[in-house]
Amino acid sequence: MFHFDPSLSTDEEWKMTAETRIYPNPFENELHIKGTEGYTLRIFSLSGSLVRTPEVIASDETIDLTYLPAGSYLFRLDKDGKTKAIWGVKK
């Protein structure tokens, strides 16, 4: 089970900690993540279906999400038994 914040952020950048960021929001084809080395990223649709689990190797990554249709998604980051979930919107 994981805890998530149901509020939808419309900030340009979602801040998890001072060094962990996922941006931009809304996004078009690419999502940038920083400070997430060692995290597992999972992308879920609004229906709760797992869409993708992209590999996060470095602390500064760009993930190609051109295949996603426009809509809202839940980005779940897991590390060391802790979870943070963030809503994002693809234009």
C-alpha atoms as a PDB file:
ATOM      1  CA  MET A   1       0.000   0.000   0.000  1.00  0.00           C
ATOM      2  CA  PHE A   2       1.252   3.499  -0.732  1.00  0.00           C
ATOM      3  CA  HIS A   3       0.236   6.947   0.381  1.00  0.00           C
ATOM      4  CA  PHE A   4      -0.418   9.614  -2.211  1.00  0.00           C
ATOM      5  CA  ASP A   5      -1.331  13.250  -2.198  1.00  0.00           C
ATOM      6  CA  PRO A   6      -4.510  13.588  -4.276  1.00  0.00           C
ATOM      7  CA  SER A   7      -3.964  17.258  -5.041  1.00  0.00           C
ATOM      8  CA  LEU A   8      -3.129  18.032  -8.633  1.00  0.00           C
ATOM      9  CA  SER A   9      -0.119  20.282  -8.958  1.00  0.00           C
ATOM     10  CA  THR A  10      -0.014  22.900 -11.656  1.00  0.00           C
ATOM     11  CA  ASP A  11       3.368  24.217 -10.620  1.00  0.00           C
ATOM     12  CA  GLU A  12       6.091  24.258 -13.242  1.00  0.00           C
ATOM     13  CA  GLU A  13       8.111  21.958 -10.995  1.00  0.00           C
ATOM     14  CA  TRP A  14       7.062  19.380  -8.407  1.00  0.00           C
ATOM     15  CA  LYS A  15       9.424  19.378  -5.450  1.00  0.00           C
ATOM     16  CA  MET A  16       9.747  16.241  -3.371  1.00  0.00           C
ATOM     17  CA  THR A  17      12.809  17.322  -1.431  1.00  0.00           C
ATOM     18  CA  ALA A  18      15.316  20.074  -1.998  1.00  0.00           C
ATOM     19  CA  GLU A  19      17.280  17.798  -4.336  1.00  0.00           C
ATOM     20  CA  THR A  20      14.447  15.730  -5.903  1.00  0.00           C
ATOM     21  CA  ARG A  21      12.376  17.269  -8.699  1.00  0.00           C
ATOM     22  CA  ILE A  22      10.052  16.141 -11.478  1.00  0.00           C
ATOM     23  CA  TYR A  23       9.217  18.732 -14.132  1.00  0.00           C
ATOM     24  CA  PRO A  24       7.576  20.325 -16.130  1.00  0.00           C
ATOM     25  CA  ASN A  25       3.923  20.092 -15.216  1.00  0.00           C
ATOM     26  CA  PRO A  26       2.033  19.960 -17.449  1.00  0.00           C
ATOM     27  CA  PHE A  27       4.428  18.120 -19.784  1.00  0.00           C
ATOM     28  CA  GLU A  28       4.301  17.287 -23.482  1.00  0.00           C
ATOM     29  CA  ASN A  29       6.650  14.517 -24.603  1.00  0.00           C
ATOM     30  CA  GLU A  30       9.458  14.520 -22.050  1.00  0.00           C
ATOM     31  CA  LEU A  31       9.571  14.461 -18.291  1.00  0.00           C
ATOM     32  CA  HIS A  32      12.729  15.533 -16.472  1.00  0.00           C
ATOM     33  CA  ILE A  33      13.644  14.066 -13.127  1.00  0.00           C
ATOM     34  CA  LYS A  34      16.516  15.106 -10.877  1.00  0.00           C
ATOM     35  CA  GLY A  35      17.786  13.735  -7.612  1.00  0.00           C
ATOM     36  CA  THR A  36      16.039  10.382  -8.074  1.00  0.00           C
ATOM     37  CA  GLU A  37      19.006   8.036  -8.311  1.00  0.00           C
ATOM     38  CA  GLY A  38      18.076   4.744  -6.688  1.00  0.00           C
ATOM     39  CA  TYR A  39      14.347   5.395  -6.926  1.00  0.00           C
ATOM     40  CA  THR A  40      11.891   3.141  -8.712  1.00  0.00           C
ATOM     41  CA  LEU A  41       9.524   5.184 -10.865  1.00  0.00           C
ATOM     42  CA  ARG A  42       6.115   3.819 -11.803  1.00  0.00           C
ATOM     43  CA  ILE A  43       3.588   5.612 -14.002  1.00  0.00           C
ATOM     44  CA  PHE A  44      -0.117   4.870 -13.464  1.00  0.00           C
ATOM     45  CA  SER A  45      -3.192   5.892 -15.443  1.00  0.00           C
ATOM     46  CA  LEU A  46      -6.190   7.412 -13.662  1.00  0.00           C
ATOM     47  CA  SER A  47      -7.841   3.989 -13.729  1.00  0.00           C
ATOM     48  CA  GLY A  48      -4.973   2.649 -11.610  1.00  0.00           C
ATOM     49  CA  SER A  49      -3.342   0.606 -14.370  1.00  0.00           C
ATOM     50  CA  LEU A  50       0.443   0.507 -14.408  1.00  0.00           C
ATOM     51  CA  VAL A  51       1.469   2.199 -17.660  1.00  0.00           C
ATOM     52  CA  ARG A  52       5.255   1.943 -17.437  1.00  0.00           C
ATOM     53  CA  THR A  53       8.180   1.485 -15.074  1.00  0.00           C
ATOM     54  CA  PRO A  54      11.004   3.433 -16.715  1.00  0.00           C
ATOM     55  CA  GLU A  55      14.515   2.719 -15.503  1.00  0.00           C
ATOM     56  CA  VAL A  56      16.071   5.527 -13.483  1.00  0.00           C
ATOM     57  CA  ILE A  57      19.837   5.125 -13.502  1.00  0.00           C
ATOM     58  CA  ALA A  58      21.291   8.571 -12.958  1.00  0.00           C
ATOM     59  CA  SER A  59      20.251  11.396 -10.674  1.00  0.00           C
ATOM     60  CA  ASP A  60      19.424  13.536 -13.727  1.00  0.00           C
ATOM     61  CA  GLU A  61      17.217  11.782 -16.313  1.00  0.00           C
ATOM     62  CA  THR A  62      14.906  12.693 -19.165  1.00  0.00           C
ATOM     63  CA  ILE A  63      12.132  10.199 -19.844  1.00  0.00           C
ATOM     64  CA  ASP A  64      10.480  10.012 -23.257  1.00  0.00           C
ATOM     65  CA  LEU A  65       6.692   9.842 -22.803  1.00  0.00           C
ATOM     66  CA  THR A  66       5.612  10.555 -26.386  1.00  0.00           C
ATOM     67  CA  TYR A  67       3.617   7.301 -26.441  1.00  0.00           C
ATOM     68  CA  LEU A  68       1.284   8.473 -23.642  1.00  0.00           C
ATOM     69  CA  PRO A  69      -2.031   9.982 -24.700  1.00  0.00           C
ATOM     70  CA  ALA A  70      -3.008  13.349 -23.238  1.00  0.00           C
ATOM     71  CA  GLY A  71      -4.407  13.069 -19.736  1.00  0.00           C
ATOM     72  CA  SER A  72      -3.567  12.876 -16.037  1.00  0.00           C
ATOM     73  CA  TYR A  73      -1.084  10.386 -14.610  1.00  0.00           C
ATOM     74  CA  LEU A  74       0.214   9.368 -11.215  1.00  0.00           C
ATOM     75  CA  PHE A  75       4.007   9.258 -10.921  1.00  0.00           C
ATOM     76  CA  ARG A  76       5.047   7.050  -8.009  1.00  0.00           C
ATOM     77  CA  LEU A  77       8.605   7.090  -6.674  1.00  0.00           C
ATOM     78  CA  ASP A  78       9.765   4.395  -4.242  1.00  0.00           C
ATOM     79  CA  LYS A  79      13.043   4.227  -2.324  1.00  0.00           C
ATOM     80  CA  ASP A  80      14.078   2.607   0.944  1.00  0.00           C
ATOM     81  CA  GLY A  81      10.508   1.648   1.819  1.00  0.00           C
ATOM     82  CA  LYS A  82       9.201   5.199   1.353  1.00  0.00           C
ATOM     83  CA  THR A  83       6.828   6.302  -1.377  1.00  0.00           C
ATOM     84  CA  LYS A  84       5.947   9.656  -2.886  1.00  0.00           C
ATOM     85  CA  ALA A  85       3.253  10.012  -5.506  1.00  0.00           C
ATOM     86  CA  ILE A  86       2.679  13.060  -7.681  1.00  0.00           C
ATOM     87  CA  TRP A  87      -0.072  13.846 -10.189  1.00  0.00           C
ATOM     88  CA  GLY A  88       0.995  15.130 -13.575  1.00  0.00           C
ATOM     89  CA  VAL A  89      -0.779  16.202 -16.752  1.00  0.00           C
ATOM     90  CA  LYS A  90       0.274  15.434 -20.302  1.00  0.00           C
ATOM     91  CA  LYS A  91      -0.878  18.063 -22.802  1.00  0.00           C
END
